[in-house]
Amino acid sequence: MEIQMLPVNKETLVRYRTIPSYVEVNTTLDMKTLKGFGGITFSEKKVKKLYLKNYDEHGEPFSWLNFNTSKWVMFIIQDGEIPAGGLTLACKTPELRMLNGRDDLADIWDIRIHPNLKRQGIGTKLFTRAVEWCRSEGYKQLCVETQNVNVPACRFYLKQGCNLGVINRYAYSATSAVAGEVQLIWFIDC
């Protein structure tokens, strides 16, 4: 399977969106803060009721075009005629909070693998390609956001060598679809 590099625009997003982006949530990372400066611990816990977290339910990925995506890049792996996986990097977008105003930081804005093709190394190939591209373009770090309810993603980023850099318990509205989600931002040096 060959990785294609594409610009991020309406045409490429139509193709990209054919790859579903959801996770079955059956466990979550429960976060506990220790007293004083003792730190934070995570423990995996089963959820009371299994549910799907659909990352495309709010108009994604077409809402990305609200940003200037001219510096963004998309990687897609095909399995014959079917897009097997995709990864989109957001770069040099001053209005994007995830980049903290840094020109030397790129963000994995989205990564998705076709549900029928998971656990075949597609995500690792895309992640590796993204890090290589960032390095070749002079980026110092790559970051990616997920939530404590996406335990498979957390495991994946750890396996790729990422370090957990930000834990934000207040990133999402208390009125969101799933109250209590914690934002986790992972970093890897390029």
C-alpha atoms as a PDB file:
ATOM      1  CA  MET A   1       0.000   0.000   0.000  1.00  0.00           C
ATOM      2  CA  GLU A   2       1.396   3.312  -1.125  1.00  0.00           C
ATOM      3  CA  ILE A   3       1.016   6.577   0.793  1.00  0.00           C
ATOM      4  CA  GLN A   4      -0.194   9.531  -1.247  1.00  0.00           C
ATOM      5  CA  MET A   5       0.451  13.102  -0.131  1.00  0.00           C
ATOM      6  CA  LEU A   6      -2.326  15.538  -1.033  1.00  0.00           C
ATOM      7  CA  PRO A   7      -3.365  19.123  -0.306  1.00  0.00           C
ATOM      8  CA  VAL A   8      -6.293  19.696   2.056  1.00  0.00           C
ATOM      9  CA  ASN A   9      -9.203  21.052   0.035  1.00  0.00           C
ATOM     10  CA  LYS A  10     -12.858  20.287  -0.622  1.00  0.00           C
ATOM     11  CA  GLU A  11     -12.073  17.725  -3.320  1.00  0.00           C
ATOM     12  CA  THR A  12      -9.582  15.723  -1.256  1.00  0.00           C
ATOM     13  CA  LEU A  13     -11.815  15.913   1.845  1.00  0.00           C
ATOM     14  CA  VAL A  14     -14.656  14.232  -0.074  1.00  0.00           C
ATOM     15  CA  ARG A  15     -12.348  11.256  -0.632  1.00  0.00           C
ATOM     16  CA  TYR A  16     -10.905  11.412   2.893  1.00  0.00           C
ATOM     17  CA  ARG A  17     -14.344  11.406   4.520  1.00  0.00           C
ATOM     18  CA  THR A  18     -15.119   7.993   3.013  1.00  0.00           C
ATOM     19  CA  ILE A  19     -12.931   6.620   5.813  1.00  0.00           C
ATOM     20  CA  PRO A  20     -15.182   6.473   8.904  1.00  0.00           C
ATOM     21  CA  SER A  21     -13.856   8.114  12.053  1.00  0.00           C
ATOM     22  CA  TYR A  22     -15.300   6.654  15.212  1.00  0.00           C
ATOM     23  CA  VAL A  23     -14.207   4.662  18.203  1.00  0.00           C
ATOM     24  CA  GLU A  24     -16.145   2.093  20.206  1.00  0.00           C
ATOM     25  CA  VAL A  25     -15.871   3.232  23.794  1.00  0.00           C
ATOM     26  CA  ASN A  26     -15.929   0.329  26.215  1.00  0.00           C
ATOM     27  CA  THR A  27     -13.236   1.617  28.585  1.00  0.00           C
ATOM     28  CA  THR A  28     -11.992   5.015  29.631  1.00  0.00           C
ATOM     29  CA  LEU A  29      -8.919   6.345  31.374  1.00  0.00           C
ATOM     30  CA  ASP A  30     -10.084   7.467  34.795  1.00  0.00           C
ATOM     31  CA  MET A  31      -7.906  10.278  36.076  1.00  0.00           C
ATOM     32  CA  LYS A  32      -7.161  10.874  39.729  1.00  0.00           C
ATOM     33  CA  THR A  33      -5.142  13.774  41.074  1.00  0.00           C
ATOM     34  CA  LEU A  34      -2.933  13.036  44.029  1.00  0.00           C
ATOM     35  CA  LYS A  35      -2.761  15.436  46.954  1.00  0.00           C
ATOM     36  CA  GLY A  36      -0.438  18.393  46.753  1.00  0.00           C
ATOM     37  CA  PHE A  37       2.169  17.998  44.068  1.00  0.00           C
ATOM     38  CA  GLY A  38       1.806  14.225  44.019  1.00  0.00           C
ATOM     39  CA  GLY A  39       0.799  14.134  40.356  1.00  0.00           C
ATOM     40  CA  ILE A  40      -1.875  12.349  38.399  1.00  0.00           C
ATOM     41  CA  THR A  41      -2.645   8.679  37.918  1.00  0.00           C
ATOM     42  CA  PHE A  42      -4.714   7.017  35.233  1.00  0.00           C
ATOM     43  CA  SER A  43      -6.513   3.724  35.502  1.00  0.00           C
ATOM     44  CA  GLU A  44      -8.508   2.018  32.800  1.00  0.00           C
ATOM     45  CA  LYS A  45     -12.120   1.391  33.720  1.00  0.00           C
ATOM     46  CA  LYS A  46     -15.000  -0.214  31.891  1.00  0.00           C
ATOM     47  CA  VAL A  47     -17.839   2.119  30.968  1.00  0.00           C
ATOM     48  CA  LYS A  48     -21.327   1.276  32.204  1.00  0.00           C
ATOM     49  CA  LYS A  49     -22.726   1.303  28.681  1.00  0.00           C
ATOM     50  CA  LEU A  50     -20.765   0.800  25.449  1.00  0.00           C
ATOM     51  CA  TYR A  51     -21.154   3.665  22.943  1.00  0.00           C
ATOM     52  CA  LEU A  52     -19.685   5.001  19.712  1.00  0.00           C
ATOM     53  CA  LYS A  53     -17.818   8.305  19.639  1.00  0.00           C
ATOM     54  CA  ASN A  54     -18.211   9.594  16.105  1.00  0.00           C
ATOM     55  CA  TYR A  55     -15.580  12.198  15.288  1.00  0.00           C
ATOM     56  CA  ASP A  56     -17.424  13.232  12.103  1.00  0.00           C
ATOM     57  CA  GLU A  57     -20.787  13.985  13.701  1.00  0.00           C
ATOM     58  CA  HIS A  58     -20.332  17.778  13.716  1.00  0.00           C
ATOM     59  CA  GLY A  59     -19.598  18.300  10.016  1.00  0.00           C
ATOM     60  CA  GLU A  60     -16.058  17.050  10.042  1.00  0.00           C
ATOM     61  CA  PRO A  61     -13.918  17.103   8.039  1.00  0.00           C
ATOM     62  CA  PHE A  62     -15.478  19.842   5.868  1.00  0.00           C
ATOM     63  CA  SER A  63     -15.501  22.306   8.793  1.00  0.00           C
ATOM     64  CA  TRP A  64     -11.693  22.251   8.601  1.00  0.00           C
ATOM     65  CA  LEU A  65     -12.010  24.535   5.585  1.00  0.00           C
ATOM     66  CA  ASN A  66     -12.957  27.317   8.021  1.00  0.00           C
ATOM     67  CA  PHE A  67      -9.189  27.508   8.573  1.00  0.00           C
ATOM     68  CA  ASN A  68      -6.583  28.463   6.004  1.00  0.00           C
ATOM     69  CA  THR A  69      -5.470  24.937   5.044  1.00  0.00           C
ATOM     70  CA  SER A  70      -2.961  26.052   2.412  1.00  0.00           C
ATOM     71  CA  LYS A  71      -0.039  24.835   4.595  1.00  0.00           C
ATOM     72  CA  TRP A  72      -1.798  21.639   5.672  1.00  0.00           C
ATOM     73  CA  VAL A  73      -1.017  18.252   4.179  1.00  0.00           C
ATOM     74  CA  MET A  74      -2.968  15.009   3.936  1.00  0.00           C
ATOM     75  CA  PHE A  75      -1.628  11.476   3.639  1.00  0.00           C
ATOM     76  CA  ILE A  76      -3.872   8.681   2.335  1.00  0.00           C
ATOM     77  CA  ILE A  77      -3.187   4.959   2.007  1.00  0.00           C
ATOM     78  CA  GLN A  78      -5.284   3.122  -0.564  1.00  0.00           C
ATOM     79  CA  ASP A  79      -6.314  -0.542  -0.413  1.00  0.00           C
ATOM     80  CA  GLY A  80      -7.197  -1.002  -4.048  1.00  0.00           C
ATOM     81  CA  GLU A  81      -9.983   1.493  -4.717  1.00  0.00           C
ATOM     82  CA  ILE A  82     -10.817   1.968  -1.020  1.00  0.00           C
ATOM     83  CA  PRO A  83      -9.027   4.572   1.109  1.00  0.00           C
ATOM     84  CA  ALA A  84      -7.671   2.413   3.941  1.00  0.00           C
ATOM     85  CA  GLY A  85      -6.426   5.219   6.152  1.00  0.00           C
ATOM     86  CA  GLY A  86      -5.663   8.890   6.276  1.00  0.00           C
ATOM     87  CA  LEU A  87      -3.789  11.433   8.336  1.00  0.00           C
ATOM     88  CA  THR A  88      -4.089  15.214   8.121  1.00  0.00           C
ATOM     89  CA  LEU A  89      -1.409  17.558   9.432  1.00  0.00           C
ATOM     90  CA  ALA A  90      -2.236  21.132  10.389  1.00  0.00           C
ATOM     91  CA  CYS A  91       0.750  23.447  10.027  1.00  0.00           C
ATOM     92  CA  LYS A  92       1.528  27.154  10.197  1.00  0.00           C
ATOM     93  CA  THR A  93      -2.018  28.236  10.995  1.00  0.00           C
ATOM     94  CA  PRO A  94      -1.794  31.142  13.481  1.00  0.00           C
ATOM     95  CA  GLU A  95      -5.477  31.001  14.452  1.00  0.00           C
ATOM     96  CA  LEU A  96      -5.211  27.333  15.437  1.00  0.00           C
ATOM     97  CA  ARG A  97      -4.877  27.114  19.231  1.00  0.00           C
ATOM     98  CA  MET A  98      -3.321  23.648  19.105  1.00  0.00           C
ATOM     99  CA  LEU A  99      -0.212  25.143  17.499  1.00  0.00           C
ATOM    100  CA  ASN A 100       0.280  27.733  20.285  1.00  0.00           C
ATOM    101  CA  GLY A 101       1.481  30.291  17.722  1.00  0.00           C
ATOM    102  CA  ARG A 102       4.497  28.105  16.930  1.00  0.00           C
ATOM    103  CA  ASP A 103       5.800  27.675  13.378  1.00  0.00           C
ATOM    104  CA  ASP A 104       7.963  24.739  14.456  1.00  0.00           C
ATOM    105  CA  LEU A 105       5.035  22.626  15.698  1.00  0.00           C
ATOM    106  CA  ALA A 106       2.747  20.554  13.472  1.00  0.00           C
ATOM    107  CA  ASP A 107      -0.482  18.958  14.644  1.00  0.00           C
ATOM    108  CA  ILE A 108      -2.023  15.671  13.628  1.00  0.00           C
ATOM    109  CA  TRP A 109      -5.420  17.222  13.100  1.00  0.00           C
ATOM    110  CA  ASP A 110      -6.957  13.875  12.251  1.00  0.00           C
ATOM    111  CA  ILE A 111      -5.980  10.262  11.792  1.00  0.00           C
ATOM    112  CA  ARG A 112      -8.402   7.562  10.718  1.00  0.00           C
ATOM    113  CA  ILE A 113      -8.233   3.942   9.640  1.00  0.00           C
ATOM    114  CA  HIS A 114     -11.049   2.099   7.894  1.00  0.00           C
ATOM    115  CA  PRO A 115     -12.702  -0.088  10.589  1.00  0.00           C
ATOM    116  CA  ASN A 116     -12.330  -3.233   8.451  1.00  0.00           C
ATOM    117  CA  LEU A 117      -8.591  -2.616   8.075  1.00  0.00           C
ATOM    118  CA  LYS A 118      -7.526  -1.782  11.621  1.00  0.00           C
ATOM    119  CA  ARG A 119      -4.630  -3.596  13.302  1.00  0.00           C
ATOM    120  CA  GLN A 120      -2.743  -4.048  10.027  1.00  0.00           C
ATOM    121  CA  GLY A 121      -0.055  -1.414  10.599  1.00  0.00           C
ATOM    122  CA  ILE A 122      -1.744   1.320   8.531  1.00  0.00           C
ATOM    123  CA  GLY A 123      -1.797   3.803  11.410  1.00  0.00           C
ATOM    124  CA  THR A 124       1.878   3.197  12.150  1.00  0.00           C
ATOM    125  CA  LYS A 125       2.783   3.756   8.480  1.00  0.00           C
ATOM    126  CA  LEU A 126       0.825   7.017   8.400  1.00  0.00           C
ATOM    127  CA  PHE A 127       2.268   8.225  11.718  1.00  0.00           C
ATOM    128  CA  THR A 128       5.826   7.380  10.653  1.00  0.00           C
ATOM    129  CA  ARG A 129       5.318   9.185   7.334  1.00  0.00           C
ATOM    130  CA  ALA A 130       3.973  12.248   9.171  1.00  0.00           C
ATOM    131  CA  VAL A 131       7.012  12.384  11.489  1.00  0.00           C
ATOM    132  CA  GLU A 132       9.378  11.961   8.517  1.00  0.00           C
ATOM    133  CA  TRP A 133       7.619  14.756   6.625  1.00  0.00           C
ATOM    134  CA  CYS A 134       7.755  17.072   9.650  1.00  0.00           C
ATOM    135  CA  ARG A 135      11.459  16.382  10.101  1.00  0.00           C
ATOM    136  CA  SER A 136      12.167  17.061   6.407  1.00  0.00           C
ATOM    137  CA  GLU A 137      10.207  20.337   6.588  1.00  0.00           C
ATOM    138  CA  GLY A 138      12.073  21.571   9.685  1.00  0.00           C
ATOM    139  CA  TYR A 139       9.391  21.086  12.337  1.00  0.00           C
ATOM    140  CA  LYS A 140      10.758  20.449  15.840  1.00  0.00           C
ATOM    141  CA  GLN A 141       7.690  18.697  17.272  1.00  0.00           C
ATOM    142  CA  LEU A 142       4.466  17.013  16.299  1.00  0.00           C
ATOM    143  CA  CYS A 143       1.428  16.997  18.580  1.00  0.00           C
ATOM    144  CA  VAL A 144      -1.893  15.193  18.538  1.00  0.00           C
ATOM    145  CA  GLU A 145      -5.045  15.501  20.625  1.00  0.00           C
ATOM    146  CA  THR A 146      -7.274  12.740  21.859  1.00  0.00           C
ATOM    147  CA  GLN A 147      -9.511  12.146  24.835  1.00  0.00           C
ATOM    148  CA  ASN A 148      -9.477   9.827  27.823  1.00  0.00           C
ATOM    149  CA  VAL A 149     -12.406   7.940  26.243  1.00  0.00           C
ATOM    150  CA  ASN A 150     -10.267   6.908  23.260  1.00  0.00           C
ATOM    151  CA  VAL A 151      -8.064   4.382  25.008  1.00  0.00           C
ATOM    152  CA  PRO A 152      -6.932   2.684  21.749  1.00  0.00           C
ATOM    153  CA  ALA A 153      -5.606   6.038  20.492  1.00  0.00           C
ATOM    154  CA  CYS A 154      -3.773   6.662  23.779  1.00  0.00           C
ATOM    155  CA  ARG A 155      -2.119   3.246  23.525  1.00  0.00           C
ATOM    156  CA  PHE A 156      -1.234   3.916  19.880  1.00  0.00           C
ATOM    157  CA  TYR A 157       0.464   7.249  20.630  1.00  0.00           C
ATOM    158  CA  LEU A 158       2.448   5.689  23.481  1.00  0.00           C
ATOM    159  CA  LYS A 159       3.549   2.902  21.148  1.00  0.00           C
ATOM    160  CA  GLN A 160       4.685   5.498  18.586  1.00  0.00           C
ATOM    161  CA  GLY A 161       6.952   7.129  21.185  1.00  0.00           C
ATOM    162  CA  CYS A 162       4.787  10.116  22.087  1.00  0.00           C
ATOM    163  CA  ASN A 163       4.844  11.742  25.507  1.00  0.00           C
ATOM    164  CA  LEU A 164       1.734  13.019  27.222  1.00  0.00           C
ATOM    165  CA  GLY A 165       2.306  16.762  27.474  1.00  0.00           C
ATOM    166  CA  VAL A 166      -1.075  18.305  28.278  1.00  0.00           C
ATOM    167  CA  ILE A 167      -3.960  17.069  30.403  1.00  0.00           C
ATOM    168  CA  ASN A 168      -6.888  19.465  30.271  1.00  0.00           C
ATOM    169  CA  ARG A 169      -9.897  18.439  32.328  1.00  0.00           C
ATOM    170  CA  TYR A 170     -11.737  21.628  31.331  1.00  0.00           C
ATOM    171  CA  ALA A 171     -11.203  21.686  27.552  1.00  0.00           C
ATOM    172  CA  TYR A 172     -14.669  20.495  26.654  1.00  0.00           C
ATOM    173  CA  SER A 173     -17.979  21.954  27.637  1.00  0.00           C
ATOM    174  CA  ALA A 174     -19.801  20.292  30.522  1.00  0.00           C
ATOM    175  CA  THR A 175     -22.794  20.157  28.168  1.00  0.00           C
ATOM    176  CA  SER A 176     -20.947  18.134  25.523  1.00  0.00           C
ATOM    177  CA  ALA A 177     -22.307  14.836  24.301  1.00  0.00           C
ATOM    178  CA  VAL A 178     -20.174  12.985  26.817  1.00  0.00           C
ATOM    179  CA  ALA A 179     -19.580  15.052  29.935  1.00  0.00           C
ATOM    180  CA  GLY A 180     -16.353  14.328  31.744  1.00  0.00           C
ATOM    181  CA  GLU A 181     -14.092  13.835  28.735  1.00  0.00           C
ATOM    182  CA  VAL A 182     -10.512  14.899  29.380  1.00  0.00           C
ATOM    183  CA  GLN A 183      -8.363  16.365  26.614  1.00  0.00           C
ATOM    184  CA  LEU A 184      -4.990  14.654  26.253  1.00  0.00           C
ATOM    185  CA  ILE A 185      -2.322  16.163  24.009  1.00  0.00           C
ATOM    186  CA  TRP A 186       0.639  14.026  23.044  1.00  0.00           C
ATOM    187  CA  PHE A 187       3.987  15.240  21.649  1.00  0.00           C
ATOM    188  CA  ILE A 188       6.866  13.680  19.787  1.00  0.00           C
ATOM    189  CA  ASP A 189      10.135  15.359  18.821  1.00  0.00           C
ATOM    190  CA  CYS A 190      10.897  15.287  15.089  1.00  0.00           C
END
